[in-house]
PDB file of N, CA and C in Angstrom:
ATOM      1  N   MET A   1      -9.139 -56.244 -51.761  1.00  0.00           N
ATOM      2  CA  MET A   1      -8.798 -56.768 -50.449  1.00  0.00           C
ATOM      3  C   MET A   1     -10.041 -56.800 -49.599  1.00  0.00           C
ATOM      4  N   SER A   2     -10.124 -57.745 -48.677  1.00  0.00           N
ATOM      5  CA  SER A   2     -11.285 -57.851 -47.816  1.00  0.00           C
ATOM      6  C   SER A   2     -11.363 -56.644 -46.896  1.00  0.00           C
ATOM      7  N   SER A   3     -12.541 -56.482 -46.308  1.00  0.00           N
ATOM      8  CA  SER A   3     -12.725 -55.362 -45.396  1.00  0.00           C
ATOM      9  C   SER A   3     -11.971 -55.576 -44.090  1.00  0.00           C
ATOM     10  N   GLN A   4     -11.548 -56.785 -43.856  1.00  0.00           N
ATOM     11  CA  GLN A   4     -10.818 -57.082 -42.626  1.00  0.00           C
ATOM     12  C   GLN A   4      -9.355 -56.689 -42.783  1.00  0.00           C
ATOM     13  N   GLN A   5      -8.800 -56.052 -41.781  1.00  0.00           N
ATOM     14  CA  GLN A   5      -7.424 -55.604 -41.813  1.00  0.00           C
ATOM     15  C   GLN A   5      -6.475 -56.749 -41.465  1.00  0.00           C
ATOM     16  N   LEU A   6      -5.253 -56.661 -41.981  1.00  0.00           N
ATOM     17  CA  LEU A   6      -4.223 -57.625 -41.615  1.00  0.00           C
ATOM     18  C   LEU A   6      -3.939 -57.457 -40.137  1.00  0.00           C
ATOM     19  N   SER A   7      -3.908 -58.548 -39.414  1.00  0.00           N
ATOM     20  CA  SER A   7      -3.629 -58.458 -37.987  1.00  0.00           C
ATOM     21  C   SER A   7      -3.026 -59.754 -37.495  1.00  0.00           C
ATOM     22  N   ALA A   8      -2.357 -59.632 -36.367  1.00  0.00           N
ATOM     23  CA  ALA A   8      -1.899 -60.818 -35.653  1.00  0.00           C
ATOM     24  C   ALA A   8      -3.021 -61.205 -34.700  1.00  0.00           C
ATOM     25  N   VAL A   9      -2.947 -62.393 -34.166  1.00  0.00           N
ATOM     26  CA  VAL A   9      -3.940 -62.826 -33.202  1.00  0.00           C
ATOM     27  C   VAL A   9      -3.689 -62.087 -31.895  1.00  0.00           C
ATOM     28  N   PRO A  10      -4.736 -61.565 -31.252  1.00  0.00           N
ATOM     29  CA  PRO A  10      -4.524 -60.838 -29.996  1.00  0.00           C
ATOM     30  C   PRO A  10      -3.951 -61.740 -28.911  1.00  0.00           C
ATOM     31  N   ASP A  11      -3.434 -61.103 -27.862  1.00  0.00           N
ATOM     32  CA  ASP A  11      -2.851 -61.867 -26.752  1.00  0.00           C
ATOM     33  C   ASP A  11      -3.854 -62.819 -26.124  1.00  0.00           C
ATOM     34  N   THR A  12      -5.124 -62.466 -26.155  1.00  0.00           N
ATOM     35  CA  THR A  12      -6.152 -63.333 -25.608  1.00  0.00           C
ATOM     36  C   THR A  12      -6.574 -64.306 -26.695  1.00  0.00           C
ATOM     37  N   VAL A  13      -6.097 -65.519 -26.599  1.00  0.00           N
ATOM     38  CA  VAL A  13      -6.425 -66.546 -27.581  1.00  0.00           C
ATOM     39  C   VAL A  13      -7.322 -67.582 -26.934  1.00  0.00           C
ATOM     40  N   PRO A  14      -7.978 -68.423 -27.735  1.00  0.00           N
ATOM     41  CA  PRO A  14      -8.892 -69.403 -27.166  1.00  0.00           C
ATOM     42  C   PRO A  14      -8.224 -70.294 -26.130  1.00  0.00           C
ATOM     43  N   GLN A  15      -9.017 -70.745 -25.186  1.00  0.00           N
ATOM     44  CA  GLN A  15      -8.509 -71.641 -24.158  1.00  0.00           C
ATOM     45  C   GLN A  15      -7.870 -72.859 -24.818  1.00  0.00           C
ATOM     46  N   GLY A  16      -6.728 -73.248 -24.329  1.00  0.00           N
ATOM     47  CA  GLY A  16      -6.031 -74.400 -24.878  1.00  0.00           C
ATOM     48  C   GLY A  16      -4.951 -74.037 -25.879  1.00  0.00           C
ATOM     49  N   ILE A  17      -4.873 -72.754 -26.266  1.00  0.00           N
ATOM     50  CA  ILE A  17      -3.810 -72.330 -27.169  1.00  0.00           C
ATOM     51  C   ILE A  17      -2.834 -71.487 -26.370  1.00  0.00           C
ATOM     52  N   ALA A  18      -1.661 -72.024 -26.119  1.00  0.00           N
ATOM     53  CA  ALA A  18      -0.627 -71.310 -25.379  1.00  0.00           C
ATOM     54  C   ALA A  18       0.450 -70.875 -26.356  1.00  0.00           C
ATOM     55  N   ARG A  19       1.039 -69.715 -26.115  1.00  0.00           N
ATOM     56  CA  ARG A  19       2.067 -69.212 -27.033  1.00  0.00           C
ATOM     57  C   ARG A  19       3.436 -69.826 -26.761  1.00  0.00           C
ATOM     58  N   THR A  20       3.599 -70.465 -25.630  1.00  0.00           N
ATOM     59  CA  THR A  20       4.894 -71.076 -25.334  1.00  0.00           C
ATOM     60  C   THR A  20       4.927 -72.480 -25.911  1.00  0.00           C
ATOM     61  N   ASP A  21       6.094 -72.895 -26.308  1.00  0.00           N
ATOM     62  CA  ASP A  21       6.311 -74.251 -26.818  1.00  0.00           C
ATOM     63  C   ASP A  21       5.456 -74.590 -28.042  1.00  0.00           C
ATOM     64  N   LEU A  22       5.197 -73.604 -28.890  1.00  0.00           N
ATOM     65  CA  LEU A  22       4.446 -73.864 -30.111  1.00  0.00           C
ATOM     66  C   LEU A  22       5.388 -74.302 -31.224  1.00  0.00           C
ATOM     67  N   ASP A  23       4.878 -75.149 -32.119  1.00  0.00           N
ATOM     68  CA  ASP A  23       5.719 -75.479 -33.259  1.00  0.00           C
ATOM     69  C   ASP A  23       5.785 -74.242 -34.170  1.00  0.00           C
ATOM     70  N   PRO A  24       6.782 -74.154 -35.029  1.00  0.00           N
ATOM     71  CA  PRO A  24       7.011 -72.933 -35.819  1.00  0.00           C
ATOM     72  C   PRO A  24       5.813 -72.488 -36.666  1.00  0.00           C
ATOM     73  N   ARG A  25       5.089 -73.421 -37.293  1.00  0.00           N
ATOM     74  CA  ARG A  25       3.949 -73.024 -38.125  1.00  0.00           C
ATOM     75  C   ARG A  25       2.831 -72.406 -37.285  1.00  0.00           C
ATOM     76  N   THR A  26       2.567 -72.990 -36.132  1.00  0.00           N
ATOM     77  CA  THR A  26       1.520 -72.435 -35.263  1.00  0.00           C
ATOM     78  C   THR A  26       1.930 -71.066 -34.752  1.00  0.00           C
ATOM     79  N   LYS A  27       3.186 -70.915 -34.384  1.00  0.00           N
ATOM     80  CA  LYS A  27       3.675 -69.624 -33.907  1.00  0.00           C
ATOM     81  C   LYS A  27       3.526 -68.560 -34.998  1.00  0.00           C
ATOM     82  N   ARG A  28       3.892 -68.890 -36.233  1.00  0.00           N
ATOM     83  CA  ARG A  28       3.737 -67.939 -37.336  1.00  0.00           C
ATOM     84  C   ARG A  28       2.262 -67.645 -37.602  1.00  0.00           C
ATOM     85  N   ALA A  29       1.421 -68.664 -37.476  1.00  0.00           N
ATOM     86  CA  ALA A  29      -0.015 -68.467 -37.685  1.00  0.00           C
ATOM     87  C   ALA A  29      -0.579 -67.459 -36.688  1.00  0.00           C
ATOM     88  N   LEU A  30      -0.051 -67.462 -35.474  1.00  0.00           N
ATOM     89  CA  LEU A  30      -0.536 -66.548 -34.438  1.00  0.00           C
ATOM     90  C   LEU A  30       0.073 -65.161 -34.539  1.00  0.00           C
ATOM     91  N   GLU A  31       1.314 -65.061 -34.996  1.00  0.00           N
ATOM     92  CA  GLU A  31       2.043 -63.791 -34.908  1.00  0.00           C
ATOM     93  C   GLU A  31       2.076 -62.981 -36.202  1.00  0.00           C
ATOM     94  N   GLU A  32       1.966 -63.628 -37.359  1.00  0.00           N
ATOM     95  CA  GLU A  32       2.064 -62.888 -38.616  1.00  0.00           C
ATOM     96  C   GLU A  32       0.763 -62.176 -38.940  1.00  0.00           C
ATOM     97  N   GLY A  33       0.895 -61.027 -39.598  1.00  0.00           N
ATOM     98  CA  GLY A  33      -0.278 -60.283 -40.028  1.00  0.00           C
ATOM     99  C   GLY A  33      -0.976 -61.000 -41.171  1.00  0.00           C
ATOM    100  N   MET A  34      -2.240 -61.341 -40.964  1.00  0.00           N
ATOM    101  CA  MET A  34      -3.046 -62.004 -41.987  1.00  0.00           C
ATOM    102  C   MET A  34      -4.473 -61.495 -41.874  1.00  0.00           C
ATOM    103  N   ALA A  35      -5.180 -61.495 -42.980  1.00  0.00           N
ATOM    104  CA  ALA A  35      -6.603 -61.177 -42.994  1.00  0.00           C
ATOM    105  C   ALA A  35      -7.333 -62.411 -43.504  1.00  0.00           C
ATOM    106  N   VAL A  36      -8.345 -62.834 -42.773  1.00  0.00           N
ATOM    107  CA  VAL A  36      -9.102 -64.027 -43.119  1.00  0.00           C
ATOM    108  C   VAL A  36     -10.537 -63.619 -43.417  1.00  0.00           C
ATOM    109  N   SER A  37     -11.070 -64.106 -44.524  1.00  0.00           N
ATOM    110  CA  SER A  37     -12.470 -63.837 -44.845  1.00  0.00           C
ATOM    111  C   SER A  37     -13.088 -65.072 -45.492  1.00  0.00           C
ATOM    112  N   LEU A  38     -14.383 -65.247 -45.263  1.00  0.00           N
ATOM    113  CA  LEU A  38     -15.112 -66.375 -45.831  1.00  0.00           C
ATOM    114  C   LEU A  38     -15.340 -66.121 -47.313  1.00  0.00           C
ATOM    115  N   LEU A  39     -14.933 -67.078 -48.149  1.00  0.00           N
ATOM    116  CA  LEU A  39     -15.166 -66.970 -49.592  1.00  0.00           C
ATOM    117  C   LEU A  39     -16.553 -67.468 -49.950  1.00  0.00           C
ATOM    118  N   GLU A  40     -16.922 -68.599 -49.407  1.00  0.00           N
ATOM    119  CA  GLU A  40     -18.244 -69.153 -49.671  1.00  0.00           C
ATOM    120  C   GLU A  40     -18.599 -70.159 -48.593  1.00  0.00           C
ATOM    121  N   LYS A  41     -19.900 -70.340 -48.411  1.00  0.00           N
ATOM    122  CA  LYS A  41     -20.358 -71.337 -47.449  1.00  0.00           C
ATOM    123  C   LYS A  41     -19.772 -72.685 -47.826  1.00  0.00           C
ATOM    124  N   GLY A  42     -19.561 -73.486 -46.823  1.00  0.00           N
ATOM    125  CA  GLY A  42     -18.963 -74.785 -47.067  1.00  0.00           C
ATOM    126  C   GLY A  42     -17.529 -74.853 -46.572  1.00  0.00           C
ATOM    127  N   GLY A  43     -17.042 -73.725 -46.034  1.00  0.00           N
ATOM    128  CA  GLY A  43     -15.740 -73.757 -45.394  1.00  0.00           C
ATOM    129  C   GLY A  43     -14.568 -73.270 -46.211  1.00  0.00           C
ATOM    130  N   ARG A  44     -14.816 -72.501 -47.273  1.00  0.00           N
ATOM    131  CA  ARG A  44     -13.701 -71.952 -48.058  1.00  0.00           C
ATOM    132  C   ARG A  44     -13.420 -70.521 -47.611  1.00  0.00           C
ATOM    133  N   TYR A  45     -12.163 -70.266 -47.232  1.00  0.00           N
ATOM    134  CA  TYR A  45     -11.723 -68.963 -46.735  1.00  0.00           C
ATOM    135  C   TYR A  45     -10.577 -68.436 -47.578  1.00  0.00           C
ATOM    136  N   GLU A  46     -10.478 -67.110 -47.624  1.00  0.00           N
ATOM    137  CA  GLU A  46      -9.331 -66.462 -48.241  1.00  0.00           C
ATOM    138  C   GLU A  46      -8.447 -65.946 -47.123  1.00  0.00           C
ATOM    139  N   VAL A  47      -7.150 -66.204 -47.239  1.00  0.00           N
ATOM    140  CA  VAL A  47      -6.183 -65.680 -46.275  1.00  0.00           C
ATOM    141  C   VAL A  47      -5.215 -64.798 -47.043  1.00  0.00           C
ATOM    142  N   ARG A  48      -5.200 -63.518 -46.693  1.00  0.00           N
ATOM    143  CA  ARG A  48      -4.246 -62.565 -47.287  1.00  0.00           C
ATOM    144  C   ARG A  48      -3.128 -62.345 -46.290  1.00  0.00           C
ATOM    145  N   THR A  49      -1.902 -62.329 -46.794  1.00  0.00           N
ATOM    146  CA  THR A  49      -0.737 -62.204 -45.926  1.00  0.00           C
ATOM    147  C   THR A  49      -0.129 -60.811 -46.038  1.00  0.00           C
ATOM    148  N   ALA A  50       0.727 -60.494 -45.098  1.00  0.00           N
ATOM    149  CA  ALA A  50       1.401 -59.194 -45.094  1.00  0.00           C
ATOM    150  C   ALA A  50       2.285 -59.021 -46.325  1.00  0.00           C
ATOM    151  N   SER A  51       2.738 -60.114 -46.904  1.00  0.00           N
ATOM    152  CA  SER A  51       3.592 -60.030 -48.098  1.00  0.00           C
ATOM    153  C   SER A  51       2.778 -59.759 -49.366  1.00  0.00           C
ATOM    154  N   GLY A  52       1.438 -59.737 -49.236  1.00  0.00           N
ATOM    155  CA  GLY A  52       0.585 -59.457 -50.382  1.00  0.00           C
ATOM    156  C   GLY A  52       0.064 -60.690 -51.088  1.00  0.00           C
ATOM    157  N   ASN A  53       0.469 -61.858 -50.653  1.00  0.00           N
ATOM    158  CA  ASN A  53      -0.041 -63.098 -51.237  1.00  0.00           C
ATOM    159  C   ASN A  53      -1.405 -63.426 -50.646  1.00  0.00           C
ATOM    160  N   TRP A  54      -2.164 -64.218 -51.371  1.00  0.00           N
ATOM    161  CA  TRP A  54      -3.412 -64.719 -50.820  1.00  0.00           C
ATOM    162  C   TRP A  54      -3.553 -66.186 -51.179  1.00  0.00           C
ATOM    163  N   TYR A  55      -4.190 -66.900 -50.269  1.00  0.00           N
ATOM    164  CA  TYR A  55      -4.345 -68.342 -50.435  1.00  0.00           C
ATOM    165  C   TYR A  55      -5.768 -68.725 -50.090  1.00  0.00           C
ATOM    166  N   GLU A  56      -6.220 -69.790 -50.720  1.00  0.00           N
ATOM    167  CA  GLU A  56      -7.550 -70.310 -50.444  1.00  0.00           C
ATOM    168  C   GLU A  56      -7.411 -71.510 -49.509  1.00  0.00           C
ATOM    169  N   VAL A  57      -8.118 -71.431 -48.386  1.00  0.00           N
ATOM    170  CA  VAL A  57      -8.095 -72.484 -47.382  1.00  0.00           C
ATOM    171  C   VAL A  57      -9.475 -73.129 -47.336  1.00  0.00           C
ATOM    172  N   ASP A  58      -9.513 -74.435 -47.348  1.00  0.00           N
ATOM    173  CA  ASP A  58     -10.764 -75.182 -47.201  1.00  0.00           C
ATOM    174  C   ASP A  58     -10.692 -75.937 -45.881  1.00  0.00           C
ATOM    175  N   VAL A  59     -11.478 -75.486 -44.900  1.00  0.00           N
ATOM    176  CA  VAL A  59     -11.397 -76.103 -43.570  1.00  0.00           C
ATOM    177  C   VAL A  59     -12.095 -77.462 -43.516  1.00  0.00           C
ATOM    178  N   VAL A  60     -13.009 -77.715 -44.433  1.00  0.00           N
ATOM    179  CA  VAL A  60     -13.684 -79.016 -44.453  1.00  0.00           C
ATOM    180  C   VAL A  60     -12.738 -80.079 -45.009  1.00  0.00           C
ATOM    181  N   ASP A  61     -12.116 -79.781 -46.160  1.00  0.00           N
ATOM    182  CA  ASP A  61     -11.170 -80.718 -46.766  1.00  0.00           C
ATOM    183  C   ASP A  61      -9.774 -80.616 -46.158  1.00  0.00           C
ATOM    184  N   GLU A  62      -9.556 -79.578 -45.322  1.00  0.00           N
ATOM    185  CA  GLU A  62      -8.257 -79.311 -44.692  1.00  0.00           C
ATOM    186  C   GLU A  62      -7.156 -79.196 -45.736  1.00  0.00           C
ATOM    187  N   THR A  63      -7.339 -78.219 -46.647  1.00  0.00           N
ATOM    188  CA  THR A  63      -6.357 -77.957 -47.687  1.00  0.00           C
ATOM    189  C   THR A  63      -6.082 -76.459 -47.791  1.00  0.00           C
ATOM    190  N   CYS A  64      -4.968 -76.127 -48.440  1.00  0.00           N
ATOM    191  CA  CYS A  64      -4.594 -74.741 -48.693  1.00  0.00           C
ATOM    192  C   CYS A  64      -3.869 -74.708 -50.036  1.00  0.00           C
ATOM    193  N   THR A  65      -3.935 -73.570 -50.701  1.00  0.00           N
ATOM    194  CA  THR A  65      -3.276 -73.429 -51.996  1.00  0.00           C
ATOM    195  C   THR A  65      -1.842 -72.925 -51.883  1.00  0.00           C
ATOM    196  N   CYS A  66      -1.317 -72.769 -50.673  1.00  0.00           N
ATOM    197  CA  CYS A  66       0.052 -72.263 -50.492  1.00  0.00           C
ATOM    198  C   CYS A  66       1.080 -73.340 -50.858  1.00  0.00           C
ATOM    199  N   PRO A  67       2.303 -72.913 -51.193  1.00  0.00           N
ATOM    200  CA  PRO A  67       3.357 -73.880 -51.540  1.00  0.00           C
ATOM    201  C   PRO A  67       3.692 -74.843 -50.403  1.00  0.00           C
ATOM    202  N   ASP A  68       3.663 -74.373 -49.161  1.00  0.00           N
ATOM    203  CA  ASP A  68       3.971 -75.259 -48.033  1.00  0.00           C
ATOM    204  C   ASP A  68       3.017 -76.446 -48.024  1.00  0.00           C
ATOM    205  N   TRP A  69       1.724 -76.179 -48.205  1.00  0.00           N
ATOM    206  CA  TRP A  69       0.736 -77.260 -48.205  1.00  0.00           C
ATOM    207  C   TRP A  69       0.894 -78.137 -49.444  1.00  0.00           C
ATOM    208  N   GLU A  70       1.061 -77.513 -50.607  1.00  0.00           N
ATOM    209  CA  GLU A  70       1.116 -78.272 -51.854  1.00  0.00           C
ATOM    210  C   GLU A  70       2.348 -79.169 -51.959  1.00  0.00           C
ATOM    211  N   TYR A  71       3.476 -78.748 -51.379  1.00  0.00           N
ATOM    212  CA  TYR A  71       4.709 -79.537 -51.512  1.00  0.00           C
ATOM    213  C   TYR A  71       5.044 -80.381 -50.292  1.00  0.00           C
ATOM    214  N   ARG A  72       4.583 -79.972 -49.106  1.00  0.00           N
ATOM    215  CA  ARG A  72       4.965 -80.693 -47.892  1.00  0.00           C
ATOM    216  C   ARG A  72       3.777 -81.294 -47.126  1.00  0.00           C
ATOM    217  N   THR A  73       2.589 -80.763 -47.295  1.00  0.00           N
ATOM    218  CA  THR A  73       1.391 -81.200 -46.582  1.00  0.00           C
ATOM    219  C   THR A  73       1.720 -81.461 -45.107  1.00  0.00           C
ATOM    220  N   PRO A  74       2.100 -80.404 -44.371  1.00  0.00           N
ATOM    221  CA  PRO A  74       2.525 -80.600 -42.985  1.00  0.00           C
ATOM    222  C   PRO A  74       1.410 -81.127 -42.078  1.00  0.00           C
ATOM    223  N   GLU A  75       1.793 -82.011 -41.182  1.00  0.00           N
ATOM    224  CA  GLU A  75       0.838 -82.516 -40.198  1.00  0.00           C
ATOM    225  C   GLU A  75       0.344 -81.338 -39.363  1.00  0.00           C
ATOM    226  N   GLY A  76      -0.957 -81.241 -39.198  1.00  0.00           N
ATOM    227  CA  GLY A  76      -1.534 -80.117 -38.462  1.00  0.00           C
ATOM    228  C   GLY A  76      -1.856 -78.939 -39.353  1.00  0.00           C
ATOM    229  N   GLY A  77      -1.451 -79.003 -40.626  1.00  0.00           N
ATOM    230  CA  GLY A  77      -1.761 -77.947 -41.578  1.00  0.00           C
ATOM    231  C   GLY A  77      -0.697 -76.878 -41.662  1.00  0.00           C
ATOM    232  N   CYS A  78      -0.777 -76.084 -42.712  1.00  0.00           N
ATOM    233  CA  CYS A  78       0.129 -74.950 -42.891  1.00  0.00           C
ATOM    234  C   CYS A  78      -0.308 -73.816 -41.965  1.00  0.00           C
ATOM    235  N   LYS A  79       0.463 -72.731 -41.939  1.00  0.00           N
ATOM    236  CA  LYS A  79       0.135 -71.618 -41.051  1.00  0.00           C
ATOM    237  C   LYS A  79      -1.193 -70.965 -41.438  1.00  0.00           C
ATOM    238  N   HIS A  80      -1.573 -71.020 -42.708  1.00  0.00           N
ATOM    239  CA  HIS A  80      -2.825 -70.401 -43.138  1.00  0.00           C
ATOM    240  C   HIS A  80      -4.032 -71.193 -42.640  1.00  0.00           C
ATOM    241  N   LEU A  81      -3.959 -72.500 -42.757  1.00  0.00           N
ATOM    242  CA  LEU A  81      -5.029 -73.360 -42.258  1.00  0.00           C
ATOM    243  C   LEU A  81      -5.146 -73.216 -40.742  1.00  0.00           C
ATOM    244  N   ARG A  82      -4.025 -73.160 -40.063  1.00  0.00           N
ATOM    245  CA  ARG A  82      -4.030 -72.991 -38.607  1.00  0.00           C
ATOM    246  C   ARG A  82      -4.606 -71.635 -38.224  1.00  0.00           C
ATOM    247  N   ARG A  83      -4.288 -70.585 -39.013  1.00  0.00           N
ATOM    248  CA  ARG A  83      -4.790 -69.250 -38.705  1.00  0.00           C
ATOM    249  C   ARG A  83      -6.314 -69.193 -38.847  1.00  0.00           C
ATOM    250  N   VAL A  84      -6.852 -69.814 -39.905  1.00  0.00           N
ATOM    251  CA  VAL A  84      -8.304 -69.844 -40.066  1.00  0.00           C
ATOM    252  C   VAL A  84      -8.938 -70.538 -38.870  1.00  0.00           C
ATOM    253  N   ASP A  85      -8.354 -71.627 -38.430  1.00  0.00           N
ATOM    254  CA  ASP A  85      -8.871 -72.351 -37.271  1.00  0.00           C
ATOM    255  C   ASP A  85      -8.908 -71.447 -36.035  1.00  0.00           C
ATOM    256  N   VAL A  86      -7.845 -70.695 -35.809  1.00  0.00           N
ATOM    257  CA  VAL A  86      -7.787 -69.789 -34.654  1.00  0.00           C
ATOM    258  C   VAL A  86      -8.837 -68.687 -34.791  1.00  0.00           C
ATOM    259  N   GLU A  87      -8.951 -68.094 -35.983  1.00  0.00           N
ATOM    260  CA  GLU A  87      -9.929 -67.020 -36.193  1.00  0.00           C
ATOM    261  C   GLU A  87     -11.352 -67.532 -35.961  1.00  0.00           C
ATOM    262  N   LEU A  88     -11.623 -68.771 -36.369  1.00  0.00           N
ATOM    263  CA  LEU A  88     -12.934 -69.369 -36.118  1.00  0.00           C
ATOM    264  C   LEU A  88     -13.171 -69.543 -34.619  1.00  0.00           C
ATOM    265  N   LYS A  89     -12.160 -70.035 -33.916  1.00  0.00           N
ATOM    266  CA  LYS A  89     -12.295 -70.235 -32.470  1.00  0.00           C
ATOM    267  C   LYS A  89     -12.479 -68.920 -31.728  1.00  0.00           C
ATOM    268  N   LEU A  90     -11.860 -67.857 -32.245  1.00  0.00           N
ATOM    269  CA  LEU A  90     -12.016 -66.535 -31.631  1.00  0.00           C
ATOM    270  C   LEU A  90     -13.326 -65.872 -32.028  1.00  0.00           C
ATOM    271  N   GLY A  91     -14.020 -66.418 -33.004  1.00  0.00           N
ATOM    272  CA  GLY A  91     -15.268 -65.827 -33.458  1.00  0.00           C
ATOM    273  C   GLY A  91     -15.073 -64.574 -34.279  1.00  0.00           C
ATOM    274  N   ARG A  92     -13.926 -64.448 -34.946  1.00  0.00           N
ATOM    275  CA  ARG A  92     -13.627 -63.244 -35.723  1.00  0.00           C
ATOM    276  C   ARG A  92     -14.014 -63.361 -37.187  1.00  0.00           C
ATOM    277  N   VAL A  93     -14.396 -64.547 -37.629  1.00  0.00           N
ATOM    278  CA  VAL A  93     -14.848 -64.755 -39.010  1.00  0.00           C
ATOM    279  C   VAL A  93     -16.101 -65.629 -38.974  1.00  0.00           C
ATOM    280  N   PRO A  94     -16.926 -65.549 -40.030  1.00  0.00           N
ATOM    281  CA  PRO A  94     -18.111 -66.411 -40.074  1.00  0.00           C
ATOM    282  C   PRO A  94     -17.731 -67.884 -40.057  1.00  0.00           C
ATOM    283  N   ARG A  95     -18.614 -68.677 -39.498  1.00  0.00           N
ATOM    284  CA  ARG A  95     -18.394 -70.120 -39.464  1.00  0.00           C
ATOM    285  C   ARG A  95     -18.512 -70.700 -40.873  1.00  0.00           C
ATOM    286  N   PRO A  96     -18.060 -71.933 -41.096  1.00  0.00           N
ATOM    287  CA  PRO A  96     -18.120 -72.523 -42.439  1.00  0.00           C
ATOM    288  C   PRO A  96     -19.522 -72.542 -43.047  1.00  0.00           C
ATOM    289  N   ASP A  97     -20.565 -72.580 -42.207  1.00  0.00           N
ATOM    290  CA  ASP A  97     -21.926 -72.566 -42.745  1.00  0.00           C
ATOM    291  C   ASP A  97     -22.388 -71.157 -43.106  1.00  0.00           C
ATOM    292  N   GLY A  98     -21.507 -70.165 -42.937  1.00  0.00           N
ATOM    293  CA  GLY A  98     -21.825 -68.790 -43.285  1.00  0.00           C
ATOM    294  C   GLY A  98     -22.447 -67.987 -42.162  1.00  0.00           C
ATOM    295  N   ARG A  99     -22.811 -68.657 -41.071  1.00  0.00           N
ATOM    296  CA  ARG A  99     -23.430 -67.949 -39.948  1.00  0.00           C
ATOM    297  C   ARG A  99     -22.382 -67.153 -39.193  1.00  0.00           C
ATOM    298  N   LEU A 100     -22.812 -66.019 -38.701  1.00  0.00           N
ATOM    299  CA  LEU A 100     -21.920 -65.179 -37.923  1.00  0.00           C
ATOM    300  C   LEU A 100     -21.649 -65.798 -36.564  1.00  0.00           C
ATOM    301  N   PRO A 101     -20.478 -65.528 -36.004  1.00  0.00           N
ATOM    302  CA  PRO A 101     -20.205 -65.985 -34.641  1.00  0.00           C
ATOM    303  C   PRO A 101     -21.226 -65.379 -33.683  1.00  0.00           C
ATOM    304  N   GLU A 102     -21.437 -66.013 -32.567  1.00  0.00           N
ATOM    305  CA  GLU A 102     -22.457 -65.584 -31.598  1.00  0.00           C
ATOM    306  C   GLU A 102     -22.321 -64.120 -31.208  1.00  0.00           C
ATOM    307  N   GLN A 103     -21.114 -63.645 -30.879  1.00  0.00           N
ATOM    308  CA  GLN A 103     -20.961 -62.264 -30.442  1.00  0.00           C
ATOM    309  C   GLN A 103     -21.281 -61.278 -31.559  1.00  0.00           C
ATOM    310  N   ALA A 104     -21.003 -61.636 -32.807  1.00  0.00           N
ATOM    311  CA  ALA A 104     -21.320 -60.754 -33.928  1.00  0.00           C
ATOM    312  C   ALA A 104     -22.828 -60.683 -34.127  1.00  0.00           C
ATOM    313  N   ARG A 105     -23.526 -61.811 -33.999  1.00  0.00           N
ATOM    314  CA  ARG A 105     -24.989 -61.813 -34.135  1.00  0.00           C
ATOM    315  C   ARG A 105     -25.619 -60.964 -33.053  1.00  0.00           C
ATOM    316  N   THR A 106     -25.108 -61.089 -31.830  1.00  0.00           N
ATOM    317  CA  THR A 106     -25.638 -60.299 -30.717  1.00  0.00           C
ATOM    318  C   THR A 106     -25.449 -58.818 -30.987  1.00  0.00           C
ATOM    319  N   SER A 107     -24.301 -58.430 -31.494  1.00  0.00           N
ATOM    320  CA  SER A 107     -24.005 -57.031 -31.786  1.00  0.00           C
ATOM    321  C   SER A 107     -24.936 -56.506 -32.882  1.00  0.00           C
ATOM    322  N   VAL A 108     -25.129 -57.289 -33.950  1.00  0.00           N
ATOM    323  CA  VAL A 108     -26.006 -56.874 -35.038  1.00  0.00           C
ATOM    324  C   VAL A 108     -27.437 -56.758 -34.541  1.00  0.00           C
ATOM    325  N   ASN A 109     -27.896 -57.707 -33.740  1.00  0.00           N
ATOM    326  CA  ASN A 109     -29.250 -57.659 -33.197  1.00  0.00           C
ATOM    327  C   ASN A 109     -29.447 -56.437 -32.315  1.00  0.00           C
ATOM    328  N   GLN A 110     -28.450 -56.070 -31.528  1.00  0.00           N
ATOM    329  CA  GLN A 110     -28.561 -54.897 -30.667  1.00  0.00           C
ATOM    330  C   GLN A 110     -28.619 -53.630 -31.500  1.00  0.00           C
ATOM    331  N   GLN A 111     -27.875 -53.571 -32.607  1.00  0.00           N
ATOM    332  CA  GLN A 111     -27.882 -52.394 -33.467  1.00  0.00           C
ATOM    333  C   GLN A 111     -29.206 -52.228 -34.177  1.00  0.00           C
ATOM    334  N   ASN A 112     -29.864 -53.356 -34.482  1.00  0.00           N
ATOM    335  CA  ASN A 112     -31.133 -53.311 -35.209  1.00  0.00           C
ATOM    336  C   ASN A 112     -32.345 -53.197 -34.290  1.00  0.00           C
ATOM    337  N   ALA A 113     -32.123 -53.240 -32.980  1.00  0.00           N
ATOM    338  CA  ALA A 113     -33.243 -53.147 -32.039  1.00  0.00           C
ATOM    339  C   ALA A 113     -33.830 -51.740 -32.075  1.00  0.00           C
ATOM    340  N   PRO A 114     -35.178 -51.620 -31.878  1.00  0.00           N
ATOM    341  CA  PRO A 114     -35.816 -50.311 -31.912  1.00  0.00           C
ATOM    342  C   PRO A 114     -35.405 -49.413 -30.760  1.00  0.00           C
TER     343      PRO A 114
END
């Protein structure tokens, strides 16, 4: 399992994401416990769910290996694809190019300062 713990998205979400009037997949993406980690540069992420399943999400190709995506290909993506998008916007996972989010780089630089 990744070093990241399963969690729901905190109450403070990126500007433009409101919890009211969300479609069911987006609501589940925000509320269900999931751990997201970068698999490789180029936009491939692993999403582990509270049920113990894991899926591979590609944010560049906008695909997921979950049954919802494979059988229904929902407009806007499955909950896993949506969750990766939210985690990226929150800066909680590395960007598709592998670079750390700005706040993580700042924290690492401060720790390494003399």
